[in-house]
Amino acid sequence: MKLGIIGTGKIVGEALEALRLLPQIACTAVFARPHSREKAEALAAAYGIAEVYTDYETLLQQADVDFVYIGIVNSAHYAYARQAILAGMNVILEKPFTSTEAEAVELAALSRS
């Protein structure tokens, strides 16, 4: 499975450490907002991630990934997950994966469609 990592915070570092133990998962891309590009480049170097993106839409359209793991601030989970689902991407979200029940219901419906 090829995984794109969304974010550069502490939880992402912890996830990448855990993913090292799973040879069937390859982290192939990492996304950061432009002001955090250096963090993304450092993660890419440390974990052998081939691609660094600072444009989320470009990652969703061009990256060689099967899933995206969204490890960003909880309040942004819904928007990033929705955009990924609408682009046809599989999504892995940490908890809480949305801020409201309505957002969760919408993401579930989008995923099923």
PDB file of N, CA and C in Angstrom:
ATOM      1  N   MET A   1       0.844  -1.165   0.000  1.00  0.00           N
ATOM      2  CA  MET A   1       0.000   0.000   0.000  1.00  0.00           C
ATOM      3  C   MET A   1       0.893   1.232   0.000  1.00  0.00           C
ATOM      4  N   LYS A   2       0.576   2.174  -0.843  1.00  0.00           N
ATOM      5  CA  LYS A   2       1.316   3.432  -0.928  1.00  0.00           C
ATOM      6  C   LYS A   2       0.524   4.513  -0.207  1.00  0.00           C
ATOM      7  N   LEU A   3       1.200   5.167   0.727  1.00  0.00           N
ATOM      8  CA  LEU A   3       0.535   6.103   1.612  1.00  0.00           C
ATOM      9  C   LEU A   3       1.099   7.505   1.453  1.00  0.00           C
ATOM     10  N   GLY A   4       0.203   8.485   1.347  1.00  0.00           N
ATOM     11  CA  GLY A   4       0.586   9.891   1.371  1.00  0.00           C
ATOM     12  C   GLY A   4       0.306  10.438   2.752  1.00  0.00           C
ATOM     13  N   ILE A   5       1.255  11.140   3.307  1.00  0.00           N
ATOM     14  CA  ILE A   5       1.151  11.688   4.646  1.00  0.00           C
ATOM     15  C   ILE A   5       0.765  13.160   4.552  1.00  0.00           C
ATOM     16  N   ILE A   6      -0.292  13.541   5.268  1.00  0.00           N
ATOM     17  CA  ILE A   6      -0.765  14.917   5.252  1.00  0.00           C
ATOM     18  C   ILE A   6      -0.460  15.531   6.609  1.00  0.00           C
ATOM     19  N   GLY A   7       0.510  16.440   6.640  1.00  0.00           N
ATOM     20  CA  GLY A   7       0.882  17.107   7.877  1.00  0.00           C
ATOM     21  C   GLY A   7       2.316  16.830   8.266  1.00  0.00           C
ATOM     22  N   THR A   8       2.792  17.619   9.230  1.00  0.00           N
ATOM     23  CA  THR A   8       4.187  17.493   9.659  1.00  0.00           C
ATOM     24  C   THR A   8       4.334  17.574  11.179  1.00  0.00           C
ATOM     25  N   GLY A   9       3.233  17.499  11.900  1.00  0.00           N
ATOM     26  CA  GLY A   9       3.267  17.659  13.350  1.00  0.00           C
ATOM     27  C   GLY A   9       3.725  16.413  14.086  1.00  0.00           C
ATOM     28  N   LYS A  10       3.649  16.493  15.396  1.00  0.00           N
ATOM     29  CA  LYS A  10       4.115  15.416  16.270  1.00  0.00           C
ATOM     30  C   LYS A  10       3.452  14.080  15.956  1.00  0.00           C
ATOM     31  N   ILE A  11       2.134  14.073  15.738  1.00  0.00           N
ATOM     32  CA  ILE A  11       1.425  12.821  15.474  1.00  0.00           C
ATOM     33  C   ILE A  11       1.929  12.167  14.193  1.00  0.00           C
ATOM     34  N   VAL A  12       2.310  12.972  13.209  1.00  0.00           N
ATOM     35  CA  VAL A  12       2.847  12.429  11.958  1.00  0.00           C
ATOM     36  C   VAL A  12       4.174  11.720  12.226  1.00  0.00           C
ATOM     37  N   GLY A  13       5.034  12.330  13.018  1.00  0.00           N
ATOM     38  CA  GLY A  13       6.296  11.686  13.364  1.00  0.00           C
ATOM     39  C   GLY A  13       6.074  10.362  14.069  1.00  0.00           C
ATOM     40  N   GLU A  14       5.112  10.327  14.983  1.00  0.00           N
ATOM     41  CA  GLU A  14       4.796   9.088  15.688  1.00  0.00           C
ATOM     42  C   GLU A  14       4.238   8.035  14.729  1.00  0.00           C
ATOM     43  N   ALA A  15       3.387   8.463  13.807  1.00  0.00           N
ATOM     44  CA  ALA A  15       2.830   7.528  12.827  1.00  0.00           C
ATOM     45  C   ALA A  15       3.930   6.975  11.921  1.00  0.00           C
ATOM     46  N   LEU A  16       4.824   7.838  11.482  1.00  0.00           N
ATOM     47  CA  LEU A  16       5.913   7.380  10.614  1.00  0.00           C
ATOM     48  C   LEU A  16       6.823   6.390  11.331  1.00  0.00           C
ATOM     49  N   GLU A  17       7.065   6.596  12.609  1.00  0.00           N
ATOM     50  CA  GLU A  17       7.859   5.641  13.381  1.00  0.00           C
ATOM     51  C   GLU A  17       7.165   4.277  13.407  1.00  0.00           C
ATOM     52  N   ALA A  18       5.870   4.277  13.649  1.00  0.00           N
ATOM     53  CA  ALA A  18       5.112   3.022  13.677  1.00  0.00           C
ATOM     54  C   ALA A  18       5.072   2.366  12.299  1.00  0.00           C
ATOM     55  N   LEU A  19       4.941   3.178  11.259  1.00  0.00           N
ATOM     56  CA  LEU A  19       4.855   2.634   9.900  1.00  0.00           C
ATOM     57  C   LEU A  19       6.159   1.982   9.451  1.00  0.00           C
ATOM     58  N   ARG A  20       7.265   2.365  10.042  1.00  0.00           N
ATOM     59  CA  ARG A  20       8.553   1.725   9.711  1.00  0.00           C
ATOM     60  C   ARG A  20       8.511   0.224   9.943  1.00  0.00           C
ATOM     61  N   LEU A  21       7.665  -0.197  10.857  1.00  0.00           N
ATOM     62  CA  LEU A  21       7.570  -1.610  11.222  1.00  0.00           C
ATOM     63  C   LEU A  21       6.687  -2.408  10.265  1.00  0.00           C
ATOM     64  N   LEU A  22       6.079  -1.744   9.311  1.00  0.00           N
ATOM     65  CA  LEU A  22       5.137  -2.389   8.395  1.00  0.00           C
ATOM     66  C   LEU A  22       5.665  -2.328   6.965  1.00  0.00           C
ATOM     67  N   PRO A  23       6.419  -3.326   6.553  1.00  0.00           N
ATOM     68  CA  PRO A  23       7.032  -3.273   5.222  1.00  0.00           C
ATOM     69  C   PRO A  23       6.026  -3.260   4.065  1.00  0.00           C
ATOM     70  N   GLN A  24       4.794  -3.652   4.325  1.00  0.00           N
ATOM     71  CA  GLN A  24       3.788  -3.640   3.266  1.00  0.00           C
ATOM     72  C   GLN A  24       3.216  -2.243   3.002  1.00  0.00           C
ATOM     73  N   ILE A  25       3.618  -1.263   3.829  1.00  0.00           N
ATOM     74  CA  ILE A  25       3.173   0.119   3.632  1.00  0.00           C
ATOM     75  C   ILE A  25       4.383   0.980   3.272  1.00  0.00           C
ATOM     76  N   ALA A  26       4.278   1.641   2.134  1.00  0.00           N
ATOM     77  CA  ALA A  26       5.336   2.548   1.688  1.00  0.00           C
ATOM     78  C   ALA A  26       4.803   3.972   1.724  1.00  0.00           C
ATOM     79  N   CYS A  27       5.469   4.835   2.473  1.00  0.00           N
ATOM     80  CA  CYS A  27       5.110   6.250   2.482  1.00  0.00           C
ATOM     81  C   CYS A  27       5.810   6.897   1.291  1.00  0.00           C
ATOM     82  N   THR A  28       5.024   7.341   0.328  1.00  0.00           N
ATOM     83  CA  THR A  28       5.595   7.819  -0.925  1.00  0.00           C
ATOM     84  C   THR A  28       5.498   9.326  -1.122  1.00  0.00           C
ATOM     85  N   ALA A  29       4.685  10.004  -0.291  1.00  0.00           N
ATOM     86  CA  ALA A  29       4.520  11.451  -0.444  1.00  0.00           C
ATOM     87  C   ALA A  29       4.175  12.059   0.909  1.00  0.00           C
ATOM     88  N   VAL A  30       4.556  13.309   1.076  1.00  0.00           N
ATOM     89  CA  VAL A  30       4.195  14.065   2.271  1.00  0.00           C
ATOM     90  C   VAL A  30       3.753  15.459   1.842  1.00  0.00           C
ATOM     91  N   PHE A  31       2.714  15.954   2.506  1.00  0.00           N
ATOM     92  CA  PHE A  31       2.189  17.290   2.222  1.00  0.00           C
ATOM     93  C   PHE A  31       2.378  18.183   3.439  1.00  0.00           C
ATOM     94  N   ALA A  32       2.762  19.420   3.179  1.00  0.00           N
ATOM     95  CA  ALA A  32       2.810  20.469   4.199  1.00  0.00           C
ATOM     96  C   ALA A  32       2.393  21.773   3.549  1.00  0.00           C
ATOM     97  N   ARG A  33       1.837  22.645   4.347  1.00  0.00           N
ATOM     98  CA  ARG A  33       1.570  23.975   3.819  1.00  0.00           C
ATOM     99  C   ARG A  33       2.915  24.630   3.509  1.00  0.00           C
ATOM    100  N   PRO A  34       2.931  25.607   2.593  1.00  0.00           N
ATOM    101  CA  PRO A  34       4.212  26.183   2.150  1.00  0.00           C
ATOM    102  C   PRO A  34       5.135  26.633   3.285  1.00  0.00           C
ATOM    103  N   HIS A  35       4.598  27.197   4.348  1.00  0.00           N
ATOM    104  CA  HIS A  35       5.463  27.679   5.425  1.00  0.00           C
ATOM    105  C   HIS A  35       6.101  26.534   6.231  1.00  0.00           C
ATOM    106  N   SER A  36       5.609  25.305   6.033  1.00  0.00           N
ATOM    107  CA  SER A  36       6.171  24.143   6.730  1.00  0.00           C
ATOM    108  C   SER A  36       6.938  23.206   5.788  1.00  0.00           C
ATOM    109  N   ARG A  37       7.281  23.712   4.616  1.00  0.00           N
ATOM    110  CA  ARG A  37       7.975  22.880   3.632  1.00  0.00           C
ATOM    111  C   ARG A  37       9.259  22.270   4.206  1.00  0.00           C
ATOM    112  N   GLU A  38      10.020  23.043   4.964  1.00  0.00           N
ATOM    113  CA  GLU A  38      11.269  22.513   5.524  1.00  0.00           C
ATOM    114  C   GLU A  38      11.010  21.320   6.438  1.00  0.00           C
ATOM    115  N   LYS A  39       9.935  21.372   7.222  1.00  0.00           N
ATOM    116  CA  LYS A  39       9.574  20.238   8.069  1.00  0.00           C
ATOM    117  C   LYS A  39       9.261  19.009   7.209  1.00  0.00           C
ATOM    118  N   ALA A  40       8.523  19.229   6.140  1.00  0.00           N
ATOM    119  CA  ALA A  40       8.172  18.118   5.248  1.00  0.00           C
ATOM    120  C   ALA A  40       9.417  17.533   4.592  1.00  0.00           C
ATOM    121  N   GLU A  41      10.330  18.390   4.184  1.00  0.00           N
ATOM    122  CA  GLU A  41      11.565  17.908   3.573  1.00  0.00           C
ATOM    123  C   GLU A  41      12.402  17.116   4.578  1.00  0.00           C
ATOM    124  N   ALA A  42      12.410  17.548   5.838  1.00  0.00           N
ATOM    125  CA  ALA A  42      13.141  16.817   6.873  1.00  0.00           C
ATOM    126  C   ALA A  42      12.504  15.446   7.113  1.00  0.00           C
ATOM    127  N   LEU A  43      11.174  15.390   7.154  1.00  0.00           N
ATOM    128  CA  LEU A  43      10.500  14.103   7.303  1.00  0.00           C
ATOM    129  C   LEU A  43      10.785  13.199   6.109  1.00  0.00           C
ATOM    130  N   ALA A  44      10.736  13.772   4.923  1.00  0.00           N
ATOM    131  CA  ALA A  44      11.012  12.986   3.713  1.00  0.00           C
ATOM    132  C   ALA A  44      12.409  12.393   3.765  1.00  0.00           C
ATOM    133  N   ALA A  45      13.382  13.177   4.175  1.00  0.00           N
ATOM    134  CA  ALA A  45      14.760  12.692   4.265  1.00  0.00           C
ATOM    135  C   ALA A  45      14.892  11.618   5.335  1.00  0.00           C
ATOM    136  N   ALA A  46      14.269  11.817   6.471  1.00  0.00           N
ATOM    137  CA  ALA A  46      14.396  10.877   7.592  1.00  0.00           C
ATOM    138  C   ALA A  46      13.680   9.552   7.340  1.00  0.00           C
ATOM    139  N   TYR A  47      12.598   9.581   6.567  1.00  0.00           N
ATOM    140  CA  TYR A  47      11.779   8.382   6.393  1.00  0.00           C
ATOM    141  C   TYR A  47      11.750   7.869   4.951  1.00  0.00           C
ATOM    142  N   GLY A  48      12.606   8.388   4.112  1.00  0.00           N
ATOM    143  CA  GLY A  48      12.693   7.886   2.743  1.00  0.00           C
ATOM    144  C   GLY A  48      11.457   8.143   1.908  1.00  0.00           C
ATOM    145  N   ILE A  49      10.833   9.292   2.113  1.00  0.00           N
ATOM    146  CA  ILE A  49       9.631   9.656   1.353  1.00  0.00           C
ATOM    147  C   ILE A  49      10.068  10.394   0.096  1.00  0.00           C
ATOM    148  N   ALA A  50       9.638   9.895  -1.057  1.00  0.00           N
ATOM    149  CA  ALA A  50      10.156  10.395  -2.334  1.00  0.00           C
ATOM    150  C   ALA A  50       9.666  11.787  -2.713  1.00  0.00           C
ATOM    151  N   GLU A  51       8.424  12.121  -2.396  1.00  0.00           N
ATOM    152  CA  GLU A  51       7.836  13.362  -2.894  1.00  0.00           C
ATOM    153  C   GLU A  51       7.372  14.266  -1.752  1.00  0.00           C
ATOM    154  N   VAL A  52       7.624  15.570  -1.898  1.00  0.00           N
ATOM    155  CA  VAL A  52       7.139  16.587  -0.964  1.00  0.00           C
ATOM    156  C   VAL A  52       6.225  17.519  -1.747  1.00  0.00           C
ATOM    157  N   TYR A  53       5.028  17.748  -1.211  1.00  0.00           N
ATOM    158  CA  TYR A  53       4.056  18.626  -1.851  1.00  0.00           C
ATOM    159  C   TYR A  53       3.680  19.760  -0.905  1.00  0.00           C
ATOM    160  N   THR A  54       3.471  20.942  -1.466  1.00  0.00           N
ATOM    161  CA  THR A  54       2.928  22.056  -0.696  1.00  0.00           C
ATOM    162  C   THR A  54       1.585  22.508  -1.276  1.00  0.00           C
ATOM    163  N   ASP A  55       1.103  21.797  -2.266  1.00  0.00           N
ATOM    164  CA  ASP A  55      -0.223  22.047  -2.828  1.00  0.00           C
ATOM    165  C   ASP A  55      -1.014  20.743  -2.689  1.00  0.00           C
ATOM    166  N   TYR A  56      -2.028  20.773  -1.857  1.00  0.00           N
ATOM    167  CA  TYR A  56      -2.795  19.567  -1.552  1.00  0.00           C
ATOM    168  C   TYR A  56      -3.475  18.995  -2.791  1.00  0.00           C
ATOM    169  N   GLU A  57      -4.071  19.846  -3.591  1.00  0.00           N
ATOM    170  CA  GLU A  57      -4.754  19.383  -4.804  1.00  0.00           C
ATOM    171  C   GLU A  57      -3.775  18.664  -5.730  1.00  0.00           C
ATOM    172  N   THR A  58      -2.578  19.178  -5.854  1.00  0.00           N
ATOM    173  CA  THR A  58      -1.572  18.532  -6.696  1.00  0.00           C
ATOM    174  C   THR A  58      -1.232  17.155  -6.160  1.00  0.00           C
ATOM    175  N   LEU A  59      -1.059  17.035  -4.864  1.00  0.00           N
ATOM    176  CA  LEU A  59      -0.809  15.709  -4.287  1.00  0.00           C
ATOM    177  C   LEU A  59      -1.950  14.768  -4.622  1.00  0.00           C
ATOM    178  N   LEU A  60      -3.183  15.217  -4.421  1.00  0.00           N
ATOM    179  CA  LEU A  60      -4.332  14.342  -4.675  1.00  0.00           C
ATOM    180  C   LEU A  60      -4.422  13.908  -6.130  1.00  0.00           C
ATOM    181  N   GLN A  61      -3.996  14.762  -7.041  1.00  0.00           N
ATOM    182  CA  GLN A  61      -4.100  14.451  -8.469  1.00  0.00           C
ATOM    183  C   GLN A  61      -2.881  13.724  -9.029  1.00  0.00           C
ATOM    184  N   GLN A  62      -1.703  13.955  -8.457  1.00  0.00           N
ATOM    185  CA  GLN A  62      -0.485  13.465  -9.097  1.00  0.00           C
ATOM    186  C   GLN A  62       0.320  12.448  -8.297  1.00  0.00           C
ATOM    187  N   ALA A  63       0.188  12.433  -6.988  1.00  0.00           N
ATOM    188  CA  ALA A  63       1.041  11.564  -6.178  1.00  0.00           C
ATOM    189  C   ALA A  63       0.696  10.095  -6.411  1.00  0.00           C
ATOM    190  N   ASP A  64       1.711   9.265  -6.328  1.00  0.00           N
ATOM    191  CA  ASP A  64       1.545   7.819  -6.477  1.00  0.00           C
ATOM    192  C   ASP A  64       1.189   7.234  -5.109  1.00  0.00           C
ATOM    193  N   VAL A  65      -0.085   7.418  -4.710  1.00  0.00           N
ATOM    194  CA  VAL A  65      -0.549   6.940  -3.411  1.00  0.00           C
ATOM    195  C   VAL A  65      -1.891   6.221  -3.562  1.00  0.00           C
ATOM    196  N   ASP A  66      -2.120   5.265  -2.670  1.00  0.00           N
ATOM    197  CA  ASP A  66      -3.405   4.561  -2.607  1.00  0.00           C
ATOM    198  C   ASP A  66      -4.316   5.167  -1.547  1.00  0.00           C
ATOM    199  N   PHE A  67      -3.714   5.709  -0.500  1.00  0.00           N
ATOM    200  CA  PHE A  67      -4.409   6.287   0.640  1.00  0.00           C
ATOM    201  C   PHE A  67      -3.707   7.570   1.043  1.00  0.00           C
ATOM    202  N   VAL A  68      -4.433   8.451   1.718  1.00  0.00           N
ATOM    203  CA  VAL A  68      -3.803   9.545   2.434  1.00  0.00           C
ATOM    204  C   VAL A  68      -4.102   9.371   3.910  1.00  0.00           C
ATOM    205  N   TYR A  69      -3.092   9.605   4.726  1.00  0.00           N
ATOM    206  CA  TYR A  69      -3.238   9.625   6.176  1.00  0.00           C
ATOM    207  C   TYR A  69      -3.246  11.089   6.576  1.00  0.00           C
ATOM    208  N   ILE A  70      -4.348  11.544   7.159  1.00  0.00           N
ATOM    209  CA  ILE A  70      -4.499  12.948   7.518  1.00  0.00           C
ATOM    210  C   ILE A  70      -4.167  13.100   8.991  1.00  0.00           C
ATOM    211  N   GLY A  71      -2.998  13.696   9.244  1.00  0.00           N
ATOM    212  CA  GLY A  71      -2.509  13.893  10.607  1.00  0.00           C
ATOM    213  C   GLY A  71      -2.294  15.361  10.897  1.00  0.00           C
ATOM    214  N   ILE A  72      -3.366  16.115  10.790  1.00  0.00           N
ATOM    215  CA  ILE A  72      -3.299  17.568  10.998  1.00  0.00           C
ATOM    216  C   ILE A  72      -4.235  17.947  12.145  1.00  0.00           C
ATOM    217  N   VAL A  73      -4.325  19.223  12.441  1.00  0.00           N
ATOM    218  CA  VAL A  73      -5.182  19.708  13.517  1.00  0.00           C
ATOM    219  C   VAL A  73      -6.619  19.206  13.299  1.00  0.00           C
ATOM    220  N   ASN A  74      -7.239  18.758  14.379  1.00  0.00           N
ATOM    221  CA  ASN A  74      -8.559  18.126  14.296  1.00  0.00           C
ATOM    222  C   ASN A  74      -9.589  18.965  13.550  1.00  0.00           C
ATOM    223  N   SER A  75      -9.573  20.262  13.737  1.00  0.00           N
ATOM    224  CA  SER A  75     -10.573  21.129  13.112  1.00  0.00           C
ATOM    225  C   SER A  75     -10.471  21.142  11.582  1.00  0.00           C
ATOM    226  N   ALA A  76      -9.371  20.686  11.028  1.00  0.00           N
ATOM    227  CA  ALA A  76      -9.200  20.658   9.571  1.00  0.00           C
ATOM    228  C   ALA A  76      -9.443  19.272   8.969  1.00  0.00           C
ATOM    229  N   HIS A  77      -9.660  18.258   9.804  1.00  0.00           N
ATOM    230  CA  HIS A  77      -9.854  16.894   9.293  1.00  0.00           C
ATOM    231  C   HIS A  77     -10.957  16.816   8.237  1.00  0.00           C
ATOM    232  N   TYR A  78     -12.113  17.382   8.551  1.00  0.00           N
ATOM    233  CA  TYR A  78     -13.256  17.285   7.651  1.00  0.00           C
ATOM    234  C   TYR A  78     -12.934  17.845   6.266  1.00  0.00           C
ATOM    235  N   ALA A  79     -12.416  19.057   6.201  1.00  0.00           N
ATOM    236  CA  ALA A  79     -12.168  19.700   4.904  1.00  0.00           C
ATOM    237  C   ALA A  79     -11.146  18.921   4.083  1.00  0.00           C
ATOM    238  N   TYR A  80     -10.073  18.475   4.713  1.00  0.00           N
ATOM    239  CA  TYR A  80      -9.047  17.740   3.983  1.00  0.00           C
ATOM    240  C   TYR A  80      -9.556  16.360   3.564  1.00  0.00           C
ATOM    241  N   ALA A  81     -10.298  15.697   4.428  1.00  0.00           N
ATOM    242  CA  ALA A  81     -10.846  14.387   4.086  1.00  0.00           C
ATOM    243  C   ALA A  81     -11.870  14.510   2.963  1.00  0.00           C
ATOM    244  N   ARG A  82     -12.724  15.496   3.051  1.00  0.00           N
ATOM    245  CA  ARG A  82     -13.749  15.700   2.018  1.00  0.00           C
ATOM    246  C   ARG A  82     -13.094  15.917   0.653  1.00  0.00           C
ATOM    247  N   GLN A  83     -12.096  16.767   0.624  1.00  0.00           N
ATOM    248  CA  GLN A  83     -11.406  17.043  -0.639  1.00  0.00           C
ATOM    249  C   GLN A  83     -10.763  15.771  -1.193  1.00  0.00           C
ATOM    250  N   ALA A  84     -10.170  14.978  -0.335  1.00  0.00           N
ATOM    251  CA  ALA A  84      -9.540  13.740  -0.787  1.00  0.00           C
ATOM    252  C   ALA A  84     -10.572  12.743  -1.306  1.00  0.00           C
ATOM    253  N   ILE A  85     -11.660  12.595  -0.582  1.00  0.00           N
ATOM    254  CA  ILE A  85     -12.713  11.664  -1.011  1.00  0.00           C
ATOM    255  C   ILE A  85     -13.278  12.096  -2.355  1.00  0.00           C
ATOM    256  N   LEU A  86     -13.529  13.383  -2.527  1.00  0.00           N
ATOM    257  CA  LEU A  86     -14.054  13.886  -3.800  1.00  0.00           C
ATOM    258  C   LEU A  86     -13.067  13.680  -4.945  1.00  0.00           C
ATOM    259  N   ALA A  87     -11.777  13.590  -4.623  1.00  0.00           N
ATOM    260  CA  ALA A  87     -10.757  13.314  -5.647  1.00  0.00           C
ATOM    261  C   ALA A  87     -10.603  11.812  -5.894  1.00  0.00           C
ATOM    262  N   GLY A  88     -11.419  10.999  -5.209  1.00  0.00           N
ATOM    263  CA  GLY A  88     -11.373   9.555  -5.413  1.00  0.00           C
ATOM    264  C   GLY A  88     -10.336   8.844  -4.561  1.00  0.00           C
ATOM    265  N   MET A  89      -9.839   9.516  -3.544  1.00  0.00           N
ATOM    266  CA  MET A  89      -8.773   8.975  -2.701  1.00  0.00           C
ATOM    267  C   MET A  89      -9.358   8.243  -1.498  1.00  0.00           C
ATOM    268  N   ASN A  90      -8.693   7.175  -1.085  1.00  0.00           N
ATOM    269  CA  ASN A  90      -8.987   6.522   0.188  1.00  0.00           C
ATOM    270  C   ASN A  90      -8.361   7.355   1.297  1.00  0.00           C
ATOM    271  N   VAL A  91      -9.031   7.425   2.452  1.00  0.00           N
ATOM    272  CA  VAL A  91      -8.598   8.313   3.532  1.00  0.00           C
ATOM    273  C   VAL A  91      -8.494   7.547   4.846  1.00  0.00           C
ATOM    274  N   ILE A  92      -7.407   7.811   5.558  1.00  0.00           N
ATOM    275  CA  ILE A  92      -7.242   7.344   6.929  1.00  0.00           C
ATOM    276  C   ILE A  92      -7.178   8.589   7.801  1.00  0.00           C
ATOM    277  N   LEU A  93      -8.080   8.660   8.779  1.00  0.00           N
ATOM    278  CA  LEU A  93      -8.147   9.805   9.688  1.00  0.00           C
ATOM    279  C   LEU A  93      -7.884   9.352  11.113  1.00  0.00           C
ATOM    280  N   GLU A  94      -7.152  10.170  11.839  1.00  0.00           N
ATOM    281  CA  GLU A  94      -6.996   9.927  13.273  1.00  0.00           C
ATOM    282  C   GLU A  94      -8.256  10.435  13.965  1.00  0.00           C
ATOM    283  N   LYS A  95      -8.403  10.123  15.235  1.00  0.00           N
ATOM    284  CA  LYS A  95      -9.578  10.594  15.962  1.00  0.00           C
ATOM    285  C   LYS A  95      -9.286  11.920  16.652  1.00  0.00           C
ATOM    286  N   PRO A  96     -10.284  12.727  16.837  1.00  0.00           N
ATOM    287  CA  PRO A  96     -11.620  12.615  16.266  1.00  0.00           C
ATOM    288  C   PRO A  96     -11.570  12.953  14.776  1.00  0.00           C
ATOM    289  N   PHE A  97     -12.259  12.162  13.995  1.00  0.00           N
ATOM    290  CA  PHE A  97     -12.088  12.386  12.564  1.00  0.00           C
ATOM    291  C   PHE A  97     -12.927  13.522  12.020  1.00  0.00           C
ATOM    292  N   THR A  98     -13.917  13.992  12.745  1.00  0.00           N
ATOM    293  CA  THR A  98     -14.637  15.218  12.386  1.00  0.00           C
ATOM    294  C   THR A  98     -15.011  15.953  13.668  1.00  0.00           C
ATOM    295  N   SER A  99     -15.463  17.179  13.502  1.00  0.00           N
ATOM    296  CA  SER A  99     -15.862  17.988  14.659  1.00  0.00           C
ATOM    297  C   SER A  99     -17.326  17.816  15.020  1.00  0.00           C
ATOM    298  N   THR A 100     -18.131  17.374  14.032  1.00  0.00           N
ATOM    299  CA  THR A 100     -19.569  17.216  14.280  1.00  0.00           C
ATOM    300  C   THR A 100     -20.071  15.912  13.688  1.00  0.00           C
ATOM    301  N   GLU A 101     -21.204  15.469  14.190  1.00  0.00           N
ATOM    302  CA  GLU A 101     -21.836  14.273  13.649  1.00  0.00           C
ATOM    303  C   GLU A 101     -22.225  14.488  12.187  1.00  0.00           C
ATOM    304  N   ALA A 102     -22.717  15.667  11.864  1.00  0.00           N
ATOM    305  CA  ALA A 102     -23.131  15.952  10.483  1.00  0.00           C
ATOM    306  C   ALA A 102     -21.962  15.805   9.516  1.00  0.00           C
ATOM    307  N   GLU A 103     -20.776  16.270   9.914  1.00  0.00           N
ATOM    308  CA  GLU A 103     -19.591  16.110   9.064  1.00  0.00           C
ATOM    309  C   GLU A 103     -19.255  14.627   8.885  1.00  0.00           C
ATOM    310  N   ALA A 104     -19.347  13.862   9.955  1.00  0.00           N
ATOM    311  CA  ALA A 104     -19.060  12.424   9.877  1.00  0.00           C
ATOM    312  C   ALA A 104     -20.046  11.723   8.951  1.00  0.00           C
ATOM    313  N   VAL A 105     -21.316  12.057   9.076  1.00  0.00           N
ATOM    314  CA  VAL A 105     -22.350  11.459   8.222  1.00  0.00           C
ATOM    315  C   VAL A 105     -22.076  11.806   6.760  1.00  0.00           C
ATOM    316  N   GLU A 106     -21.727  13.059   6.503  1.00  0.00           N
ATOM    317  CA  GLU A 106     -21.448  13.470   5.122  1.00  0.00           C
ATOM    318  C   GLU A 106     -20.250  12.721   4.543  1.00  0.00           C
ATOM    319  N   LEU A 107     -19.164  12.627   5.308  1.00  0.00           N
ATOM    320  CA  LEU A 107     -17.982  11.912   4.816  1.00  0.00           C
ATOM    321  C   LEU A 107     -18.284  10.448   4.550  1.00  0.00           C
ATOM    322  N   ALA A 108     -19.069   9.834   5.422  1.00  0.00           N
ATOM    323  CA  ALA A 108     -19.450   8.434   5.223  1.00  0.00           C
ATOM    324  C   ALA A 108     -20.265   8.280   3.944  1.00  0.00           C
ATOM    325  N   ALA A 109     -21.198   9.175   3.725  1.00  0.00           N
ATOM    326  CA  ALA A 109     -22.034   9.113   2.511  1.00  0.00           C
ATOM    327  C   ALA A 109     -21.190   9.325   1.260  1.00  0.00           C
ATOM    328  N   LEU A 110     -20.296  10.303   1.311  1.00  0.00           N
ATOM    329  CA  LEU A 110     -19.408  10.546   0.166  1.00  0.00           C
ATOM    330  C   LEU A 110     -18.541   9.328  -0.113  1.00  0.00           C
ATOM    331  N   SER A 111     -18.058   8.705   0.939  1.00  0.00           N
ATOM    332  CA  SER A 111     -17.193   7.526   0.771  1.00  0.00           C
ATOM    333  C   SER A 111     -17.941   6.373   0.129  1.00  0.00           C
ATOM    334  N   ARG A 112     -19.186   6.186   0.535  1.00  0.00           N
ATOM    335  CA  ARG A 112     -19.991   5.099  -0.044  1.00  0.00           C
ATOM    336  C   ARG A 112     -20.346   5.368  -1.501  1.00  0.00           C
ATOM    337  N   SER A 113     -20.521   6.640  -1.845  1.00  0.00           N
ATOM    338  CA  SER A 113     -20.899   6.959  -3.231  1.00  0.00           C
ATOM    339  C   SER A 113     -19.675   6.916  -4.087  1.00  0.00           C
TER     340      SER A 113
END
